């Protein structure tokens, strides 16, 4: 156990650092522990550390490790889960350590420039889907690409994630306002407000938020709460950057989005293209392989088209978003088998495009203006929609995985 347990803890730490859920980390570690000859394993997982106790021949050994700040790497999550679920024969600690060395040395699948362009297109798609005009959509594309490129470069120097998020939000939204004001003057319309939020869409911590909810549902309370507060801190850092720009630029509030007005064929076609582009962009951001990227684009297309169509027919946004996310989760359960990737790698980037942009903008601007009640109203709708996104994915798990319904 003195050889096996340190390597097993290293495996779990790598999974958690890549963004996987705590309950999946525990399941994968249990599989590997059996192959390493460990009779029983107890693991306590938090976001910043992990403690494991292993039993063998009546003796117990306990080891603890610290975990570096979390990130998101879909390819690494898939590689580690494949390693855990691979050959079920005996395994040595040396062989497992060699496999982990190989996985750890694999660099990003896509260059900074490729991901920046993909995020620029995803930002433009989000702007269009939420009613942005041509100027706002183009400005969001440029600002989102520049903001993501800067964030990636700063992360390479291991700078604090919260400071980087605030600075990236400030730069992206500031560049957006500069472009819009230079071309259109000071007239800031509802269409421009959508683009303002779209320029910082890449900062939405979708992976941590969804992983936190799934962990909480699986009774991984410590890890789930820690990850939830981590995601909220990232959101607050991004909101701080956006608030500074909104205050300096003296952005006006905009009215709430109007109710649905029926379905138009051409609108469906353009929205399908935008939803596909948005899903692909975020899959590239999370370091997914090309087949996974295209699959995520199709899932995003299906789920977001349903959501927008239901909203156009008069359904309020939270339940429409829940049903759209549910469809993404159900389709992901079918697609993951052929792709051999974890479900979270498909579902999270597939629903980011459903983020309620206008309500987020109204919350920030109204708080800056001291309109607290109106800001709370907009913020509540925003929270309900974001919650519906996560709950839709959780409901898909309940519908397709028996161990989510039956507790042992």
Protein backbone atom coordinates (compact mmCIF):
# COMPACT_ATOMS: atom_id res chain seq x y z
CA UNK A 1 0.00 0.00 0.00
CA UNK A 2 2.93 2.34 0.53
CA UNK A 3 3.49 2.18 -3.24
CA UNK A 4 -0.11 2.00 -4.42
CA UNK A 5 -1.85 4.63 -2.29
CA UNK A 6 0.29 7.66 -3.30
CA UNK A 7 -0.22 6.86 -7.00
CA UNK A 8 -3.94 6.34 -6.44
CA UNK A 9 -4.18 9.75 -4.73
CA UNK A 10 -2.29 11.31 -7.60
CA UNK A 11 -4.82 9.82 -10.03
CA UNK A 12 -7.74 11.25 -8.05
CA UNK A 13 -6.11 14.67 -7.78
CA UNK A 14 -5.57 14.77 -11.56
CA UNK A 15 -9.23 13.93 -12.18
CA UNK A 16 -10.47 16.58 -9.78
CA UNK A 17 -8.08 19.22 -11.14
CA UNK A 18 -9.33 18.52 -14.67
CA UNK A 19 -12.88 19.41 -13.58
CA UNK A 20 -14.48 16.01 -13.00
CA UNK A 21 -17.09 15.52 -10.28
CA UNK A 22 -16.14 14.19 -6.85
CA UNK A 23 -18.44 11.16 -7.10
CA UNK A 24 -16.85 10.12 -10.41
CA UNK A 25 -13.41 10.52 -8.84
CA UNK A 26 -14.41 8.20 -6.00
CA UNK A 27 -15.86 5.62 -8.41
CA UNK A 28 -12.74 5.62 -10.58
CA UNK A 29 -10.44 5.35 -7.56
CA UNK A 30 -12.46 2.38 -6.27
CA UNK A 31 -12.01 0.57 -9.60
CA UNK A 32 -8.26 1.14 -9.59
CA UNK A 33 -7.94 0.24 -5.89
CA UNK A 34 -9.38 -3.22 -6.54
CA UNK A 35 -6.92 -3.80 -9.37
CA UNK A 36 -4.04 -2.64 -7.14
CA UNK A 37 -4.89 -5.24 -4.51
CA UNK A 38 -6.47 -2.87 -2.00
CA UNK A 39 -9.32 -4.58 -0.15
CA UNK A 40 -11.24 -1.46 0.86
CA UNK A 41 -10.84 2.25 0.19
CA UNK A 42 -12.40 5.28 1.91
CA UNK A 43 -11.90 8.68 0.27
CA UNK A 44 -12.73 12.17 1.52
CA UNK A 45 -12.69 14.72 -1.31
CA UNK A 46 -12.64 18.49 -1.16
CA UNK A 47 -11.72 20.94 -3.88
CA UNK A 48 -8.32 21.73 -2.37
CA UNK A 49 -7.30 18.35 -1.01
CA UNK A 50 -8.01 14.64 -0.72
CA UNK A 51 -7.59 12.06 2.05
CA UNK A 52 -7.70 8.30 1.45
CA UNK A 53 -7.58 5.34 3.82
CA UNK A 54 -6.83 1.91 2.38
CA UNK A 55 -7.14 -1.52 4.05
CA UNK A 56 -5.09 -4.57 3.15
CA UNK A 57 -4.63 -7.77 5.20
CA UNK A 58 -6.21 -6.14 8.24
CA UNK A 59 -3.92 -3.10 8.19
CA UNK A 60 -4.98 0.45 7.37
CA UNK A 61 -2.92 3.23 5.79
CA UNK A 62 -4.06 6.85 5.53
CA UNK A 63 -2.58 9.40 3.17
CA UNK A 64 -3.53 12.98 2.31
CA UNK A 65 -2.60 15.23 -0.61
CA UNK A 66 -3.18 18.83 -1.57
CA UNK A 67 -4.70 19.72 -4.94
CA UNK A 68 -3.64 22.66 -7.06
CA UNK A 69 -6.25 25.20 -8.23
CA UNK A 70 -8.86 23.50 -10.45
CA UNK A 71 -9.12 23.83 -14.19
CA UNK A 72 -11.08 22.28 -17.06
CA UNK A 73 -9.62 19.70 -19.44
CA UNK A 74 -12.17 17.46 -21.15
CA UNK A 75 -9.54 15.38 -22.93
CA UNK A 76 -7.76 14.61 -19.65
CA UNK A 77 -11.03 13.65 -17.93
CA UNK A 78 -11.78 11.22 -20.77
CA UNK A 79 -8.26 9.75 -20.68
CA UNK A 80 -8.32 9.21 -16.90
CA UNK A 81 -11.78 7.64 -16.90
CA UNK A 82 -10.75 5.37 -19.78
CA UNK A 83 -7.70 4.35 -17.75
CA UNK A 84 -9.88 3.48 -14.75
CA UNK A 85 -12.40 1.50 -16.78
CA UNK A 86 -9.88 -0.26 -19.02
CA UNK A 87 -8.43 -3.73 -18.58
CA UNK A 88 -9.88 -5.12 -15.35
CA UNK A 89 -6.85 -7.31 -14.64
CA UNK A 90 -4.20 -6.77 -11.97
CA UNK A 91 -2.35 -3.46 -12.01
CA UNK A 92 0.94 -2.36 -10.46
CA UNK A 93 1.62 1.02 -8.92
CA UNK A 94 4.55 1.50 -11.32
CA UNK A 95 2.38 0.84 -14.39
CA UNK A 96 -0.30 3.26 -13.14
CA UNK A 97 2.33 5.92 -12.42
CA UNK A 98 3.70 5.54 -15.95
CA UNK A 99 0.22 5.93 -17.44
CA UNK A 100 -0.34 9.07 -15.36
CA UNK A 101 3.00 10.48 -16.51
CA UNK A 102 1.95 9.94 -20.11
CA UNK A 103 -1.42 11.64 -19.61
CA UNK A 104 0.13 14.53 -17.70
CA UNK A 105 2.64 15.31 -20.43
CA UNK A 106 -0.05 15.62 -23.11
CA UNK A 107 -0.46 19.29 -23.98
CA UNK A 108 -3.60 21.14 -25.10
CA UNK A 109 -5.24 19.80 -28.23
CA UNK A 110 -5.81 23.28 -29.68
CA UNK A 111 -3.70 26.41 -29.89
CA UNK A 112 -4.54 29.65 -28.11
CA UNK A 113 -5.38 31.26 -31.44
CA UNK A 114 -7.75 28.45 -32.44
CA UNK A 115 -9.62 28.59 -29.15
CA UNK A 116 -9.78 32.41 -29.27
CA UNK A 117 -11.34 32.34 -32.75
CA UNK A 118 -13.80 29.65 -31.63
CA UNK A 119 -14.82 31.71 -28.59
CA UNK A 120 -15.19 34.79 -30.78
CA UNK A 121 -17.62 32.90 -33.00
CA UNK A 122 -19.44 31.51 -29.94
CA UNK A 123 -19.79 35.05 -28.53
CA UNK A 124 -21.18 36.28 -31.84
CA UNK A 125 -23.61 33.34 -31.92
CA UNK A 126 -24.78 34.12 -28.38
CA UNK A 127 -25.30 37.77 -29.29
CA UNK A 128 -27.37 36.85 -32.34
CA UNK A 129 -29.47 34.30 -30.44
CA UNK A 130 -30.36 36.91 -27.82
CA UNK A 131 -31.36 39.65 -30.24
CA UNK A 132 -28.06 41.42 -30.89
CA UNK A 133 -27.73 43.55 -34.02
CA UNK A 134 -24.97 43.31 -36.62
CA UNK A 135 -22.71 45.82 -34.88
CA UNK A 136 -23.13 44.28 -31.44
CA UNK A 137 -22.59 40.78 -32.80
CA UNK A 138 -19.40 41.74 -34.66
CA UNK A 139 -18.05 43.67 -31.68
CA UNK A 140 -18.81 40.74 -29.35
CA UNK A 141 -16.91 38.41 -31.68
CA UNK A 142 -13.79 40.59 -31.61
CA UNK A 143 -13.95 41.35 -27.89
CA UNK A 144 -14.65 37.74 -26.90
CA UNK A 145 -11.72 36.44 -28.97
CA UNK A 146 -9.30 39.02 -27.54
CA UNK A 147 -10.52 38.44 -23.98
CA UNK A 148 -10.10 34.66 -24.22
CA UNK A 149 -6.63 34.97 -25.79
CA UNK A 150 -5.54 37.26 -22.95
CA UNK A 151 -6.97 34.93 -20.30
CA UNK A 152 -5.16 31.93 -21.79
CA UNK A 153 -1.84 33.80 -21.87
CA UNK A 154 -2.23 34.95 -18.26
CA UNK A 155 -3.13 31.44 -17.11
CA UNK A 156 0.11 30.16 -18.63
CA UNK A 157 1.91 32.30 -16.04
CA UNK A 158 -0.21 30.70 -13.26
CA UNK A 159 -1.75 33.99 -12.18
CA UNK A 160 -4.66 34.03 -9.71
CA UNK A 161 -7.84 32.81 -11.42
CA UNK A 162 -10.11 35.41 -9.83
CA UNK A 163 -7.85 38.32 -10.74
CA UNK A 164 -7.49 37.02 -14.29
CA UNK A 165 -11.28 36.59 -14.63
CA UNK A 166 -11.93 40.15 -13.45
CA UNK A 167 -9.26 41.59 -15.76
CA UNK A 168 -10.42 39.53 -18.76
CA UNK A 169 -14.02 40.68 -18.20
CA UNK A 170 -12.86 44.28 -17.92
CA UNK A 171 -10.78 44.08 -21.10
CA UNK A 172 -13.38 42.21 -23.19
CA UNK A 173 -16.34 44.39 -22.20
CA UNK A 174 -14.23 47.56 -22.39
CA UNK A 175 -13.09 46.69 -25.90
CA UNK A 176 -16.69 45.93 -26.84
CA UNK A 177 -17.89 49.34 -25.63
CA UNK A 178 -15.01 51.06 -27.41
CA UNK A 179 -15.96 49.44 -30.73
CA UNK A 180 -19.67 50.19 -30.34
CA UNK A 181 -19.19 53.80 -29.20
CA UNK A 182 -16.68 54.48 -31.99
CA UNK A 183 -19.08 53.33 -34.69
CA UNK A 184 -22.55 54.08 -33.28
CA UNK A 185 -21.91 56.90 -30.81
CA UNK A 186 -23.36 56.87 -27.30
CA UNK A 187 -26.69 55.31 -28.25
CA UNK A 188 -26.65 52.00 -26.35
CA UNK A 189 -29.71 49.94 -27.29
CA UNK A 190 -31.04 46.59 -26.11
CA UNK A 191 -29.30 44.91 -29.04
CA UNK A 192 -25.99 46.40 -27.87
CA UNK A 193 -26.62 45.26 -24.28
CA UNK A 194 -26.75 41.65 -25.43
CA UNK A 195 -23.37 42.01 -27.10
CA UNK A 196 -21.91 43.49 -23.91
CA UNK A 197 -22.64 40.29 -21.98
CA UNK A 198 -21.71 38.12 -24.98
CA UNK A 199 -18.19 39.55 -25.01
CA UNK A 200 -17.54 37.97 -21.58
CA UNK A 201 -19.50 34.74 -22.08
CA UNK A 202 -16.29 32.69 -22.04
CA UNK A 203 -15.98 33.47 -18.31
CA UNK A 204 -19.18 31.61 -17.35
CA UNK A 205 -18.00 28.74 -15.06
CA UNK A 206 -20.35 26.15 -16.51
CA UNK A 207 -18.26 23.12 -15.60
CA UNK A 208 -17.90 23.96 -11.87
CA UNK A 209 -21.56 24.96 -11.52
CA UNK A 210 -22.92 21.76 -13.06
CA UNK A 211 -20.33 19.55 -11.31
CA UNK A 212 -21.25 21.16 -7.98
CA UNK A 213 -24.94 20.38 -8.45
CA UNK A 214 -24.24 16.78 -9.48
CA UNK A 215 -21.97 16.29 -6.46
CA UNK A 216 -24.62 17.70 -4.11
CA UNK A 217 -27.24 15.35 -5.55
CA UNK A 218 -24.84 12.45 -4.94
CA UNK A 219 -24.27 13.52 -1.27
CA UNK A 220 -20.73 14.76 -1.92
CA UNK A 221 -21.56 17.79 0.20
CA UNK A 222 -18.06 19.02 1.06
CA UNK A 223 -16.74 18.88 -2.50
CA UNK A 224 -20.03 20.15 -3.97
CA UNK A 225 -20.24 23.21 -1.72
CA UNK A 226 -16.56 24.04 -2.22
CA UNK A 227 -16.93 23.83 -6.00
CA UNK A 228 -20.15 25.86 -5.91
CA UNK A 229 -18.48 28.70 -4.02
CA UNK A 230 -15.48 28.50 -6.34
CA UNK A 231 -17.82 28.97 -9.32
CA UNK A 232 -19.64 31.83 -7.59
CA UNK A 233 -16.32 33.55 -6.89
CA UNK A 234 -15.42 33.31 -10.59
CA UNK A 235 -18.82 34.80 -11.45
CA UNK A 236 -18.34 37.61 -8.93
CA UNK A 237 -14.89 38.38 -10.32
CA UNK A 238 -16.26 38.57 -13.86
CA UNK A 239 -19.23 40.66 -12.67
CA UNK A 240 -16.82 43.07 -10.99
CA UNK A 241 -14.97 43.63 -14.27
CA UNK A 242 -18.24 44.12 -16.14
CA UNK A 243 -19.55 46.49 -13.46
CA UNK A 244 -16.47 48.71 -13.69
CA UNK A 245 -16.91 49.08 -17.44
CA UNK A 246 -20.67 49.61 -17.14
CA UNK A 247 -20.08 52.37 -14.58
CA UNK A 248 -17.27 54.11 -16.48
CA UNK A 249 -19.17 53.90 -19.77
CA UNK A 250 -22.39 55.02 -18.02
CA UNK A 251 -24.40 52.29 -19.70
CA UNK A 252 -28.18 52.70 -19.48
CA UNK A 253 -30.55 50.01 -18.33
CA UNK A 254 -32.54 48.17 -20.97
CA UNK A 255 -36.07 46.74 -20.82
CA UNK A 256 -36.69 43.07 -20.17
CA UNK A 257 -36.96 40.87 -23.27
CA UNK A 258 -40.45 40.77 -24.82
CA UNK A 259 -42.50 37.54 -24.75
CA UNK A 260 -42.39 35.09 -27.62
CA UNK A 261 -43.89 36.09 -30.95
CA UNK A 262 -44.30 32.83 -32.86
CA UNK A 263 -41.90 30.72 -34.91
CA UNK A 264 -40.44 31.74 -38.26
CA UNK A 265 -38.70 29.26 -40.59
CA UNK A 266 -35.70 31.43 -41.46
CA UNK A 267 -35.25 32.29 -37.81
CA UNK A 268 -35.11 28.58 -36.98
CA UNK A 269 -32.39 27.99 -39.58
CA UNK A 270 -30.18 30.87 -38.45
CA UNK A 271 -30.65 30.00 -34.80
CA UNK A 272 -29.68 26.39 -35.52
CA UNK A 273 -26.44 27.55 -37.11
CA UNK A 274 -25.70 29.91 -34.21
CA UNK A 275 -26.47 27.25 -31.60
CA UNK A 276 -24.17 24.78 -33.37
CA UNK A 277 -21.36 27.33 -33.52
CA UNK A 278 -21.78 28.21 -29.84
CA UNK A 279 -21.63 24.59 -28.71
CA UNK A 280 -18.56 23.86 -30.83
CA UNK A 281 -16.81 26.97 -29.51
CA UNK A 282 -17.19 25.97 -25.88
CA UNK A 283 -16.23 22.36 -26.56
CA UNK A 284 -12.97 23.66 -28.05
CA UNK A 285 -12.49 25.91 -25.02
CA UNK A 286 -12.74 22.85 -22.75
CA UNK A 287 -10.07 20.99 -24.79
CA UNK A 288 -12.28 18.39 -26.47
CA UNK A 289 -11.36 16.32 -29.51
CA UNK A 290 -12.85 17.11 -32.91
CA UNK A 291 -15.49 14.34 -32.87
CA UNK A 292 -16.62 15.49 -29.45
CA UNK A 293 -16.68 19.13 -30.60
CA UNK A 294 -19.01 18.34 -33.50
CA UNK A 295 -21.24 16.19 -31.29
CA UNK A 296 -21.52 18.99 -28.73
CA UNK A 297 -22.49 21.36 -31.54
CA UNK A 298 -25.36 19.08 -32.55
CA UNK A 299 -26.51 18.67 -28.94
CA UNK A 300 -26.46 22.43 -28.46
CA UNK A 301 -28.45 22.86 -31.67
CA UNK A 302 -31.15 20.41 -30.57
CA UNK A 303 -31.51 21.66 -27.01
CA UNK A 304 -31.35 25.39 -27.70
CA UNK A 305 -33.68 25.21 -30.69
CA UNK A 306 -36.26 23.47 -28.50
CA UNK A 307 -35.80 26.05 -25.73
CA UNK A 308 -36.19 29.04 -28.06
CA UNK A 309 -39.13 27.48 -29.91
CA UNK A 310 -41.00 26.84 -26.65
CA UNK A 311 -40.27 30.40 -25.52
CA UNK A 312 -41.54 31.75 -28.85
CA UNK A 313 -44.76 29.80 -28.33
CA UNK A 314 -45.33 31.50 -24.98
CA UNK A 315 -43.61 29.31 -22.39
CA UNK A 316 -41.64 31.25 -19.80
CA UNK A 317 -37.86 31.05 -20.02
CA UNK A 318 -36.99 28.87 -16.96
CA UNK A 319 -39.18 25.84 -17.86
CA UNK A 320 -38.24 26.17 -21.54
CA UNK A 321 -34.58 26.15 -20.52
CA UNK A 322 -35.13 23.12 -18.27
CA UNK A 323 -36.63 21.14 -21.16
CA UNK A 324 -33.85 22.21 -23.52
CA UNK A 325 -31.17 21.13 -21.04
CA UNK A 326 -33.04 17.87 -20.41
CA UNK A 327 -32.91 17.07 -24.14
CA UNK A 328 -29.18 17.80 -24.19
CA UNK A 329 -28.67 15.44 -21.23
CA UNK A 330 -30.76 12.64 -22.74
CA UNK A 331 -29.06 12.85 -26.13
CA UNK A 332 -25.65 12.96 -24.46
CA UNK A 333 -26.39 9.65 -22.73
CA UNK A 334 -26.80 8.09 -26.18
CA UNK A 335 -23.84 9.81 -27.82
CA UNK A 336 -21.28 9.17 -25.08
CA UNK A 337 -21.15 5.40 -25.72
CA UNK A 338 -19.78 5.76 -29.24
CA UNK A 339 -17.43 8.59 -28.32
CA UNK A 340 -16.11 6.98 -25.10
CA UNK A 341 -16.19 10.27 -23.21
CA UNK A 342 -17.84 11.20 -19.89
CA UNK A 343 -21.31 12.70 -20.15
CA UNK A 344 -20.25 15.99 -18.52
CA UNK A 345 -17.85 16.63 -21.41
CA UNK A 346 -20.84 16.69 -23.78
CA UNK A 347 -23.53 18.31 -21.66
CA UNK A 348 -21.85 21.35 -20.10
CA UNK A 349 -20.58 23.00 -23.32
CA UNK A 350 -23.90 22.04 -24.91
CA UNK A 351 -25.93 24.26 -22.53
CA UNK A 352 -23.68 27.32 -22.03
CA UNK A 353 -25.39 28.97 -25.00
CA UNK A 354 -28.61 29.00 -22.91
CA UNK A 355 -27.17 31.55 -20.44
CA UNK A 356 -29.70 34.42 -19.91
CA UNK A 357 -27.67 37.34 -21.26
CA UNK A 358 -30.12 40.25 -21.03
CA UNK A 359 -31.09 39.45 -17.45
CA UNK A 360 -27.44 39.29 -16.42
CA UNK A 361 -26.84 42.69 -18.04
CA UNK A 362 -29.88 44.21 -16.33
CA UNK A 363 -28.73 42.90 -12.95
CA UNK A 364 -25.28 44.47 -13.26
CA UNK A 365 -26.43 47.83 -14.62
CA UNK A 366 -29.36 48.22 -12.24
CA UNK A 367 -27.16 47.48 -9.23
CA UNK A 368 -24.72 50.14 -10.42
CA UNK A 369 -27.61 52.59 -10.67
CA UNK A 370 -28.87 51.77 -7.17
CA UNK A 371 -32.13 50.23 -8.46
CA UNK A 372 -31.93 47.35 -6.00
CA UNK A 373 -35.47 45.94 -6.33
CA UNK A 374 -35.35 45.90 -10.14
CA UNK A 375 -31.87 44.35 -9.98
CA UNK A 376 -33.08 41.63 -7.62
CA UNK A 377 -35.96 40.86 -9.98
CA UNK A 378 -33.65 40.53 -12.98
CA UNK A 379 -31.13 38.58 -10.93
CA UNK A 380 -33.80 36.17 -9.69
CA UNK A 381 -34.87 35.36 -13.25
CA UNK A 382 -31.23 34.91 -14.21
CA UNK A 383 -30.69 32.49 -11.30
CA UNK A 384 -33.85 30.55 -12.13
CA UNK A 385 -32.71 30.09 -15.74
CA UNK A 386 -29.19 29.03 -14.73
CA UNK A 387 -30.68 26.65 -12.17
CA UNK A 388 -32.98 25.21 -14.83
CA UNK A 389 -29.94 24.51 -17.01
CA UNK A 390 -28.27 22.46 -14.28
CA UNK A 391 -31.48 20.75 -13.12
CA UNK A 392 -32.27 19.68 -16.68
CA UNK A 393 -28.97 17.83 -16.84
CA UNK A 394 -29.56 16.29 -13.40
CA UNK A 395 -33.04 15.13 -14.44
CA UNK A 396 -31.52 13.41 -17.48
CA UNK A 397 -29.22 11.51 -15.14
CA UNK A 398 -32.18 10.38 -13.03
CA UNK A 399 -33.96 9.19 -16.16
CA UNK A 400 -31.06 7.19 -17.62
CA UNK A 401 -28.90 5.97 -14.72
CA UNK A 402 -30.49 3.68 -12.13
CA UNK A 403 -27.91 4.30 -9.40
CA UNK A 404 -28.94 7.97 -9.37
CA UNK A 405 -32.43 6.94 -8.26
CA UNK A 406 -31.52 4.04 -5.97
CA UNK A 407 -29.23 4.94 -3.08
CA UNK A 408 -26.98 2.25 -1.65
